[in-house]
N, C-alpha and C. Protein backbone atom coordinates (compact mmCIF):
# COMPACT_ATOMS: atom_id res chain seq x y z
N MET A 1 48.89 149.01 -13.15
CA MET A 1 48.31 148.53 -11.92
C MET A 1 47.62 147.20 -12.20
N ASN A 2 47.72 146.29 -11.30
CA ASN A 2 47.10 144.99 -11.43
C ASN A 2 45.58 145.14 -11.38
N SER A 3 44.91 144.70 -12.45
CA SER A 3 43.46 144.89 -12.53
C SER A 3 42.69 144.10 -11.48
N ASP A 4 43.29 143.02 -10.93
CA ASP A 4 42.62 142.25 -9.87
C ASP A 4 42.55 143.04 -8.57
N ARG A 5 43.47 143.95 -8.38
CA ARG A 5 43.52 144.73 -7.15
C ARG A 5 42.82 146.07 -7.28
N MET A 6 42.49 146.49 -8.51
CA MET A 6 41.87 147.80 -8.70
C MET A 6 40.48 147.83 -8.11
N GLN A 7 40.21 148.88 -7.36
CA GLN A 7 38.89 149.07 -6.79
C GLN A 7 38.08 149.96 -7.71
N ARG A 8 36.80 149.76 -7.75
CA ARG A 8 35.91 150.57 -8.56
C ARG A 8 34.86 151.22 -7.66
N LEU A 9 34.62 152.46 -7.94
CA LEU A 9 33.59 153.20 -7.22
C LEU A 9 32.45 153.42 -8.20
N TRP A 10 31.32 152.81 -7.94
CA TRP A 10 30.16 152.95 -8.81
C TRP A 10 29.38 154.17 -8.38
N ALA A 11 29.08 155.04 -9.35
CA ALA A 11 28.36 156.29 -9.07
C ALA A 11 27.34 156.53 -10.18
N PRO A 12 26.28 155.72 -10.27
CA PRO A 12 25.32 155.86 -11.36
C PRO A 12 24.59 157.19 -11.38
N TRP A 13 24.51 157.89 -10.26
CA TRP A 13 23.86 159.19 -10.23
C TRP A 13 24.62 160.23 -11.07
N ARG A 14 25.89 159.96 -11.39
CA ARG A 14 26.68 160.89 -12.21
C ARG A 14 26.28 160.83 -13.69
N SER A 15 25.53 159.83 -14.10
CA SER A 15 25.16 159.71 -15.52
C SER A 15 24.33 160.90 -15.98
N ALA A 16 23.55 161.49 -15.10
CA ALA A 16 22.77 162.68 -15.48
C ALA A 16 23.70 163.83 -15.85
N TYR A 17 24.79 163.99 -15.11
CA TYR A 17 25.76 165.04 -15.42
C TYR A 17 26.45 164.77 -16.74
N VAL A 18 26.88 163.54 -16.96
CA VAL A 18 27.59 163.18 -18.18
C VAL A 18 26.70 163.35 -19.41
N ALA A 19 25.42 163.02 -19.28
CA ALA A 19 24.50 163.08 -20.42
C ALA A 19 23.94 164.48 -20.68
N ALA A 20 24.12 165.40 -19.72
CA ALA A 20 23.58 166.76 -19.88
C ALA A 20 24.27 167.50 -21.02
N PRO A 21 23.53 168.37 -21.72
CA PRO A 21 24.16 169.15 -22.79
C PRO A 21 25.27 170.04 -22.22
N SER A 22 26.33 170.20 -22.98
CA SER A 22 27.45 171.01 -22.52
C SER A 22 27.11 172.49 -22.66
N ALA A 23 27.83 173.29 -21.91
CA ALA A 23 27.64 174.74 -21.95
C ALA A 23 28.09 175.26 -23.31
N PRO A 24 27.49 176.35 -23.79
CA PRO A 24 27.92 176.90 -25.07
C PRO A 24 29.38 177.33 -25.04
N ALA A 25 30.05 177.22 -26.18
CA ALA A 25 31.46 177.60 -26.27
C ALA A 25 31.62 179.10 -26.12
N ALA A 26 32.78 179.49 -25.64
CA ALA A 26 33.07 180.92 -25.49
C ALA A 26 33.02 181.61 -26.85
N ALA A 27 32.57 182.85 -26.85
CA ALA A 27 32.42 183.60 -28.10
C ALA A 27 33.77 184.00 -28.69
N GLU A 28 34.80 184.15 -27.86
CA GLU A 28 36.10 184.60 -28.34
C GLU A 28 36.91 183.44 -28.90
N CYS A 29 37.61 183.72 -29.98
CA CYS A 29 38.48 182.72 -30.60
C CYS A 29 39.74 183.45 -31.06
N PHE A 30 40.88 183.15 -30.42
CA PHE A 30 42.11 183.86 -30.78
C PHE A 30 42.55 183.56 -32.20
N ILE A 31 42.18 182.41 -32.75
CA ILE A 31 42.54 182.09 -34.14
C ILE A 31 41.73 182.98 -35.08
N CYS A 32 40.42 183.04 -34.89
CA CYS A 32 39.57 183.90 -35.73
C CYS A 32 39.93 185.37 -35.55
N ASP A 33 40.24 185.78 -34.31
CA ASP A 33 40.64 187.17 -34.07
C ASP A 33 41.90 187.50 -34.87
N GLY A 34 42.87 186.59 -34.87
CA GLY A 34 44.10 186.81 -35.61
C GLY A 34 43.87 186.85 -37.10
N LEU A 35 43.02 185.96 -37.60
CA LEU A 35 42.72 185.94 -39.04
C LEU A 35 42.01 187.21 -39.48
N ALA A 36 41.17 187.77 -38.63
CA ALA A 36 40.42 188.98 -38.99
C ALA A 36 41.28 190.24 -38.92
N ALA A 37 42.36 190.19 -38.17
CA ALA A 37 43.23 191.36 -38.01
C ALA A 37 44.27 191.41 -39.13
N GLN A 38 44.93 192.53 -39.22
CA GLN A 38 45.97 192.73 -40.23
C GLN A 38 47.37 192.58 -39.65
N ASP A 39 47.52 192.61 -38.35
CA ASP A 39 48.83 192.57 -37.71
C ASP A 39 49.21 191.14 -37.36
N ASP A 40 49.80 190.42 -38.33
CA ASP A 40 50.15 189.02 -38.11
C ASP A 40 51.17 188.85 -37.00
N ARG A 41 52.13 189.75 -36.90
CA ARG A 41 53.14 189.64 -35.84
C ARG A 41 52.49 189.69 -34.46
N HIS A 42 51.59 190.62 -34.25
CA HIS A 42 50.91 190.76 -32.95
C HIS A 42 50.13 189.49 -32.61
N HIS A 43 49.54 188.87 -33.62
CA HIS A 43 48.72 187.67 -33.40
C HIS A 43 49.51 186.38 -33.59
N LEU A 44 50.82 186.51 -33.77
CA LEU A 44 51.75 185.37 -33.89
C LEU A 44 51.47 184.47 -35.09
N ILE A 45 50.89 185.04 -36.14
CA ILE A 45 50.62 184.28 -37.37
C ILE A 45 51.88 184.28 -38.22
N VAL A 46 52.41 183.09 -38.49
CA VAL A 46 53.62 182.99 -39.31
C VAL A 46 53.31 182.61 -40.76
N ARG A 47 52.10 182.11 -41.00
CA ARG A 47 51.74 181.75 -42.37
C ARG A 47 50.22 181.72 -42.52
N ARG A 48 49.76 182.32 -43.60
CA ARG A 48 48.37 182.22 -44.02
C ARG A 48 48.36 181.46 -45.34
N SER A 49 47.45 180.54 -45.48
CA SER A 49 47.30 179.81 -46.74
C SER A 49 45.84 179.93 -47.17
N SER A 50 45.50 179.32 -48.29
CA SER A 50 44.15 179.51 -48.83
C SER A 50 43.05 179.06 -47.86
N HIS A 51 43.28 177.99 -47.13
CA HIS A 51 42.25 177.48 -46.21
C HIS A 51 42.76 177.32 -44.78
N GLY A 52 43.96 177.78 -44.50
CA GLY A 52 44.53 177.54 -43.18
C GLY A 52 45.42 178.65 -42.68
N VAL A 53 45.93 178.43 -41.47
CA VAL A 53 46.80 179.39 -40.82
C VAL A 53 47.77 178.63 -39.92
N VAL A 54 48.98 179.18 -39.77
CA VAL A 54 49.97 178.64 -38.84
C VAL A 54 50.31 179.75 -37.87
N MET A 55 50.26 179.42 -36.57
CA MET A 55 50.53 180.40 -35.52
C MET A 55 51.54 179.83 -34.53
N LEU A 56 52.30 180.72 -33.92
CA LEU A 56 53.11 180.31 -32.79
C LEU A 56 52.18 180.06 -31.61
N ASN A 57 52.51 179.08 -30.79
CA ASN A 57 51.75 178.88 -29.56
C ASN A 57 52.28 179.86 -28.53
N LYS A 58 51.39 180.68 -28.00
CA LYS A 58 51.77 181.72 -27.04
C LYS A 58 52.27 181.11 -25.73
N TYR A 59 51.86 179.89 -25.43
CA TYR A 59 52.28 179.19 -24.22
C TYR A 59 52.84 177.83 -24.63
N PRO A 60 54.05 177.83 -25.23
CA PRO A 60 54.58 176.61 -25.83
C PRO A 60 55.00 175.54 -24.82
N TYR A 61 54.85 174.29 -25.23
CA TYR A 61 55.37 173.16 -24.46
C TYR A 61 56.86 173.02 -24.69
N ASN A 62 57.32 173.46 -25.86
CA ASN A 62 58.72 173.33 -26.23
C ASN A 62 59.03 174.40 -27.27
N ASN A 63 60.30 174.66 -27.48
CA ASN A 63 60.71 175.61 -28.51
C ASN A 63 60.17 175.18 -29.87
N GLY A 64 59.59 176.11 -30.62
CA GLY A 64 59.08 175.81 -31.95
C GLY A 64 57.65 175.28 -31.99
N HIS A 65 56.96 175.28 -30.86
CA HIS A 65 55.59 174.76 -30.77
C HIS A 65 54.66 175.63 -31.62
N LEU A 66 54.04 175.01 -32.64
CA LEU A 66 53.17 175.72 -33.56
C LEU A 66 51.75 175.17 -33.51
N LEU A 67 50.80 176.01 -33.91
CA LEU A 67 49.40 175.61 -34.08
C LEU A 67 49.07 175.71 -35.56
N ILE A 68 48.48 174.67 -36.11
CA ILE A 68 48.04 174.67 -37.50
C ILE A 68 46.53 174.51 -37.47
N ALA A 69 45.82 175.45 -38.10
CA ALA A 69 44.36 175.45 -38.01
C ALA A 69 43.74 175.80 -39.35
N PRO A 70 42.50 175.36 -39.56
CA PRO A 70 41.78 175.83 -40.75
C PRO A 70 41.32 177.27 -40.51
N ARG A 71 41.06 177.97 -41.60
CA ARG A 71 40.48 179.32 -41.46
C ARG A 71 39.05 179.22 -40.94
N ALA A 72 38.35 178.20 -41.34
CA ALA A 72 36.96 178.02 -40.92
C ALA A 72 36.90 177.69 -39.43
N HIS A 73 35.98 178.32 -38.73
CA HIS A 73 35.78 178.07 -37.30
C HIS A 73 34.90 176.83 -37.14
N VAL A 74 35.55 175.68 -37.10
CA VAL A 74 34.84 174.41 -36.92
C VAL A 74 35.48 173.66 -35.76
N ALA A 75 34.66 172.89 -35.06
CA ALA A 75 35.14 172.17 -33.88
C ALA A 75 35.43 170.70 -34.15
N ARG A 76 34.84 170.15 -35.21
CA ARG A 76 34.97 168.71 -35.45
C ARG A 76 35.56 168.45 -36.83
N LEU A 77 36.34 167.39 -36.92
CA LEU A 77 36.96 167.04 -38.20
C LEU A 77 35.92 166.79 -39.29
N LYS A 78 34.78 166.23 -38.92
CA LYS A 78 33.76 165.93 -39.94
C LYS A 78 33.17 167.19 -40.56
N ASP A 79 33.35 168.34 -39.90
CA ASP A 79 32.85 169.61 -40.44
C ASP A 79 33.87 170.33 -41.30
N LEU A 80 35.06 169.78 -41.40
CA LEU A 80 36.13 170.40 -42.17
C LEU A 80 36.03 169.97 -43.63
N SER A 81 36.12 170.92 -44.55
CA SER A 81 36.07 170.59 -45.97
C SER A 81 37.33 169.82 -46.37
N ASP A 82 37.24 169.07 -47.45
CA ASP A 82 38.40 168.34 -47.95
C ASP A 82 39.54 169.30 -48.30
N GLU A 83 39.18 170.45 -48.87
CA GLU A 83 40.20 171.44 -49.24
C GLU A 83 40.92 171.97 -48.00
N ALA A 84 40.17 172.25 -46.95
CA ALA A 84 40.78 172.76 -45.73
C ALA A 84 41.63 171.69 -45.06
N MET A 85 41.16 170.45 -45.06
CA MET A 85 41.93 169.35 -44.47
C MET A 85 43.26 169.19 -45.19
N LEU A 86 43.23 169.19 -46.52
CA LEU A 86 44.45 169.05 -47.30
C LEU A 86 45.37 170.25 -47.08
N ASP A 87 44.82 171.44 -47.04
CA ASP A 87 45.63 172.64 -46.83
C ASP A 87 46.31 172.59 -45.46
N CYS A 88 45.60 172.18 -44.44
CA CYS A 88 46.21 172.08 -43.10
C CYS A 88 47.33 171.04 -43.10
N GLN A 89 47.12 169.93 -43.78
CA GLN A 89 48.17 168.91 -43.83
C GLN A 89 49.38 169.41 -44.61
N LYS A 90 49.15 170.18 -45.66
CA LYS A 90 50.27 170.78 -46.40
C LYS A 90 51.02 171.78 -45.52
N ASN A 91 50.29 172.56 -44.72
CA ASN A 91 50.93 173.49 -43.79
C ASN A 91 51.77 172.73 -42.76
N LEU A 92 51.23 171.64 -42.27
CA LEU A 92 51.96 170.80 -41.32
C LEU A 92 53.26 170.29 -41.94
N HIS A 93 53.18 169.79 -43.15
CA HIS A 93 54.35 169.29 -43.87
C HIS A 93 55.37 170.40 -44.09
N LEU A 94 54.91 171.55 -44.53
CA LEU A 94 55.79 172.69 -44.79
C LEU A 94 56.50 173.14 -43.51
N MET A 95 55.77 173.21 -42.41
CA MET A 95 56.36 173.69 -41.17
C MET A 95 57.35 172.68 -40.60
N ILE A 96 57.09 171.40 -40.76
CA ILE A 96 58.07 170.38 -40.33
C ILE A 96 59.36 170.56 -41.12
N ASN A 97 59.24 170.75 -42.43
CA ASN A 97 60.44 170.96 -43.25
C ASN A 97 61.19 172.22 -42.82
N GLN A 98 60.45 173.28 -42.52
CA GLN A 98 61.08 174.53 -42.12
C GLN A 98 61.76 174.38 -40.76
N LEU A 99 61.08 173.74 -39.81
CA LEU A 99 61.68 173.54 -38.48
C LEU A 99 62.89 172.61 -38.57
N ASP A 100 62.80 171.58 -39.42
CA ASP A 100 63.96 170.70 -39.62
C ASP A 100 65.17 171.49 -40.08
N GLN A 101 64.95 172.44 -40.96
CA GLN A 101 66.04 173.25 -41.51
C GLN A 101 66.61 174.21 -40.47
N TRP A 102 65.73 174.85 -39.67
CA TRP A 102 66.17 175.93 -38.81
C TRP A 102 66.56 175.51 -37.39
N ILE A 103 65.75 174.66 -36.75
CA ILE A 103 66.06 174.34 -35.36
C ILE A 103 66.44 172.87 -35.16
N LYS A 104 66.34 172.06 -36.19
CA LYS A 104 66.85 170.69 -36.23
C LYS A 104 66.44 169.81 -35.05
N PRO A 105 65.13 169.63 -34.83
CA PRO A 105 64.70 168.75 -33.74
C PRO A 105 64.98 167.28 -34.09
N ASP A 106 64.99 166.44 -33.08
CA ASP A 106 65.19 165.01 -33.28
C ASP A 106 63.88 164.29 -33.59
N GLY A 107 62.75 164.94 -33.37
CA GLY A 107 61.44 164.34 -33.62
C GLY A 107 60.35 165.35 -33.34
N TYR A 108 59.12 164.90 -33.43
CA TYR A 108 57.96 165.78 -33.22
C TYR A 108 56.85 165.02 -32.49
N ASN A 109 56.08 165.75 -31.72
CA ASN A 109 54.77 165.30 -31.27
C ASN A 109 53.78 166.11 -32.09
N ILE A 110 52.83 165.43 -32.72
CA ILE A 110 51.79 166.10 -33.50
C ILE A 110 50.45 165.55 -33.02
N GLY A 111 49.54 166.45 -32.68
CA GLY A 111 48.24 165.98 -32.23
C GLY A 111 47.24 167.11 -32.10
N MET A 112 46.03 166.72 -31.75
CA MET A 112 44.97 167.70 -31.52
C MET A 112 44.09 167.20 -30.39
N ASN A 113 43.52 168.14 -29.67
CA ASN A 113 42.57 167.83 -28.61
C ASN A 113 41.20 168.24 -29.13
N LEU A 114 40.31 167.30 -29.28
CA LEU A 114 38.97 167.59 -29.79
C LEU A 114 37.99 167.58 -28.62
N GLY A 115 37.45 168.74 -28.30
CA GLY A 115 36.50 168.87 -27.22
C GLY A 115 37.17 169.30 -25.92
N LYS A 116 36.42 170.02 -25.13
CA LYS A 116 36.95 170.57 -23.88
C LYS A 116 37.44 169.48 -22.93
N VAL A 117 36.72 168.38 -22.83
CA VAL A 117 37.13 167.32 -21.90
C VAL A 117 38.40 166.63 -22.36
N ALA A 118 38.76 166.78 -23.62
CA ALA A 118 40.01 166.20 -24.13
C ALA A 118 41.18 167.13 -23.87
N GLY A 119 40.94 168.29 -23.30
CA GLY A 119 42.00 169.23 -22.99
C GLY A 119 42.09 170.39 -23.95
N ALA A 120 41.12 170.51 -24.85
CA ALA A 120 41.16 171.61 -25.81
C ALA A 120 40.90 172.93 -25.09
N GLY A 121 41.88 173.81 -25.12
CA GLY A 121 41.70 175.13 -24.52
C GLY A 121 40.84 176.02 -25.40
N LEU A 122 40.70 175.65 -26.65
CA LEU A 122 39.87 176.36 -27.62
C LEU A 122 39.02 175.31 -28.34
N PRO A 123 37.99 174.80 -27.68
CA PRO A 123 37.25 173.67 -28.24
C PRO A 123 36.44 173.99 -29.49
N GLY A 124 36.18 175.26 -29.77
CA GLY A 124 35.36 175.61 -30.92
C GLY A 124 36.11 175.70 -32.23
N HIS A 125 37.43 175.78 -32.21
CA HIS A 125 38.22 175.93 -33.44
C HIS A 125 39.32 174.86 -33.42
N LEU A 126 39.09 173.78 -34.15
CA LEU A 126 40.07 172.70 -34.10
C LEU A 126 41.41 173.15 -34.64
N HIS A 127 42.46 172.55 -34.11
CA HIS A 127 43.82 172.89 -34.53
C HIS A 127 44.76 171.77 -34.13
N TRP A 128 45.82 171.64 -34.89
CA TRP A 128 46.87 170.67 -34.62
C TRP A 128 47.97 171.36 -33.84
N HIS A 129 48.59 170.62 -32.93
CA HIS A 129 49.79 171.07 -32.23
C HIS A 129 50.98 170.37 -32.88
N LEU A 130 51.97 171.14 -33.26
CA LEU A 130 53.22 170.62 -33.78
C LEU A 130 54.29 171.00 -32.78
N VAL A 131 54.82 170.00 -32.06
CA VAL A 131 55.77 170.25 -30.98
C VAL A 131 57.10 169.56 -31.29
N PRO A 132 58.13 170.34 -31.62
CA PRO A 132 59.45 169.75 -31.84
C PRO A 132 60.00 169.13 -30.55
N ARG A 133 60.75 168.04 -30.70
CA ARG A 133 61.34 167.35 -29.54
C ARG A 133 62.80 167.06 -29.81
N TRP A 134 63.60 167.05 -28.76
CA TRP A 134 65.02 166.73 -28.83
C TRP A 134 65.34 165.67 -27.80
N HIS A 135 66.34 164.86 -28.08
CA HIS A 135 66.83 163.91 -27.08
C HIS A 135 67.24 164.71 -25.86
N GLY A 136 66.75 164.32 -24.70
CA GLY A 136 67.13 165.01 -23.47
C GLY A 136 66.40 166.31 -23.22
N ASP A 137 65.29 166.57 -23.93
CA ASP A 137 64.59 167.85 -23.71
C ASP A 137 63.71 167.84 -22.47
N THR A 138 63.66 166.74 -21.78
CA THR A 138 62.94 166.72 -20.51
C THR A 138 63.97 166.71 -19.38
N ASN A 139 63.64 167.35 -18.28
CA ASN A 139 64.55 167.42 -17.15
C ASN A 139 63.75 167.59 -15.88
N PHE A 140 64.41 167.90 -14.80
CA PHE A 140 63.77 168.00 -13.50
C PHE A 140 62.94 169.27 -13.30
N MET A 141 63.16 170.30 -14.13
CA MET A 141 62.51 171.59 -13.90
C MET A 141 60.98 171.50 -13.82
N PRO A 142 60.30 170.86 -14.80
CA PRO A 142 58.84 170.80 -14.69
C PRO A 142 58.36 169.99 -13.48
N VAL A 143 59.12 168.97 -13.10
CA VAL A 143 58.70 168.10 -12.01
C VAL A 143 58.82 168.79 -10.66
N PHE A 144 59.97 169.42 -10.42
CA PHE A 144 60.22 170.00 -9.10
C PHE A 144 59.83 171.46 -8.96
N THR A 145 59.87 172.22 -10.04
CA THR A 145 59.61 173.65 -9.92
C THR A 145 58.43 174.13 -10.74
N GLU A 146 57.74 173.20 -11.43
CA GLU A 146 56.62 173.55 -12.31
C GLU A 146 57.04 174.64 -13.29
N THR A 147 58.26 174.50 -13.82
CA THR A 147 58.84 175.47 -14.74
C THR A 147 59.33 174.76 -15.98
N LYS A 148 58.98 175.27 -17.14
CA LYS A 148 59.45 174.72 -18.42
C LYS A 148 60.42 175.71 -19.03
N VAL A 149 61.59 175.23 -19.41
CA VAL A 149 62.60 176.08 -20.01
C VAL A 149 62.41 176.08 -21.52
N ILE A 150 62.16 177.25 -22.10
CA ILE A 150 62.04 177.42 -23.55
C ILE A 150 63.27 178.21 -23.98
N VAL A 151 64.03 177.66 -24.91
CA VAL A 151 65.35 178.23 -25.21
C VAL A 151 65.35 179.34 -26.24
N GLN A 152 64.20 179.68 -26.79
CA GLN A 152 64.15 180.73 -27.81
C GLN A 152 62.92 181.59 -27.56
N SER A 153 63.06 182.90 -27.75
CA SER A 153 61.91 183.78 -27.56
C SER A 153 60.92 183.61 -28.70
N LEU A 154 59.67 183.97 -28.45
CA LEU A 154 58.66 183.94 -29.51
C LEU A 154 59.04 184.90 -30.64
N GLU A 155 59.62 186.03 -30.29
CA GLU A 155 60.03 187.01 -31.30
C GLU A 155 61.10 186.43 -32.23
N ALA A 156 62.11 185.76 -31.66
CA ALA A 156 63.18 185.18 -32.48
C ALA A 156 62.63 184.05 -33.36
N LEU A 157 61.74 183.24 -32.81
CA LEU A 157 61.14 182.16 -33.60
C LEU A 157 60.28 182.74 -34.72
N TYR A 158 59.51 183.79 -34.42
CA TYR A 158 58.68 184.44 -35.44
C TYR A 158 59.56 184.95 -36.58
N GLU A 159 60.63 185.64 -36.25
CA GLU A 159 61.53 186.16 -37.27
C GLU A 159 62.09 185.04 -38.14
N MET A 160 62.50 183.96 -37.52
CA MET A 160 63.08 182.84 -38.24
C MET A 160 62.07 182.22 -39.20
N LEU A 161 60.85 182.00 -38.73
CA LEU A 161 59.85 181.32 -39.55
C LEU A 161 59.24 182.20 -40.63
N THR A 162 59.36 183.51 -40.51
CA THR A 162 58.79 184.39 -41.51
C THR A 162 59.82 184.92 -42.49
N GLU A 163 61.08 184.53 -42.32
CA GLU A 163 62.11 184.90 -43.29
C GLU A 163 61.83 184.19 -44.60
N SER A 164 62.21 184.80 -45.69
CA SER A 164 62.07 184.15 -47.00
C SER A 164 63.03 182.98 -47.06
N PRO A 165 62.53 181.81 -47.52
CA PRO A 165 63.42 180.62 -47.58
C PRO A 165 64.56 180.79 -48.56
């Protein structure tokens, strides 16, 4: 949009809302719940490592969408130990190699949302999203019908990722 034509609405009274302390985070954490349990399949955990965990995303953006998280319940990168940071990056690398072998995506989106206002559905436990992408994987379905087509079940993906290499 042309910045000369953009209108601005000044609302200085909103600064009190922006500066106010945020509400406490929810007590429940599906990552910590999964780590504390013994049933990895039920909690969609495909890999546990010394300082991290890899889980299937229960509500994937695309086939093969994974979450990579530290075992420690921390919300900010600065609170993550060097060992946990390295372990999460190794998990990310390992899962990319595994997905390359099994589902052969053309690329990946990798990112994290830090904080609720950034879109983090679980703002208290930081995690990376690893989303495989293919040429032509976008279509009219999400635009017109608010429907995303996922071509593989979570069960089939779980089986594939937990098989011995």
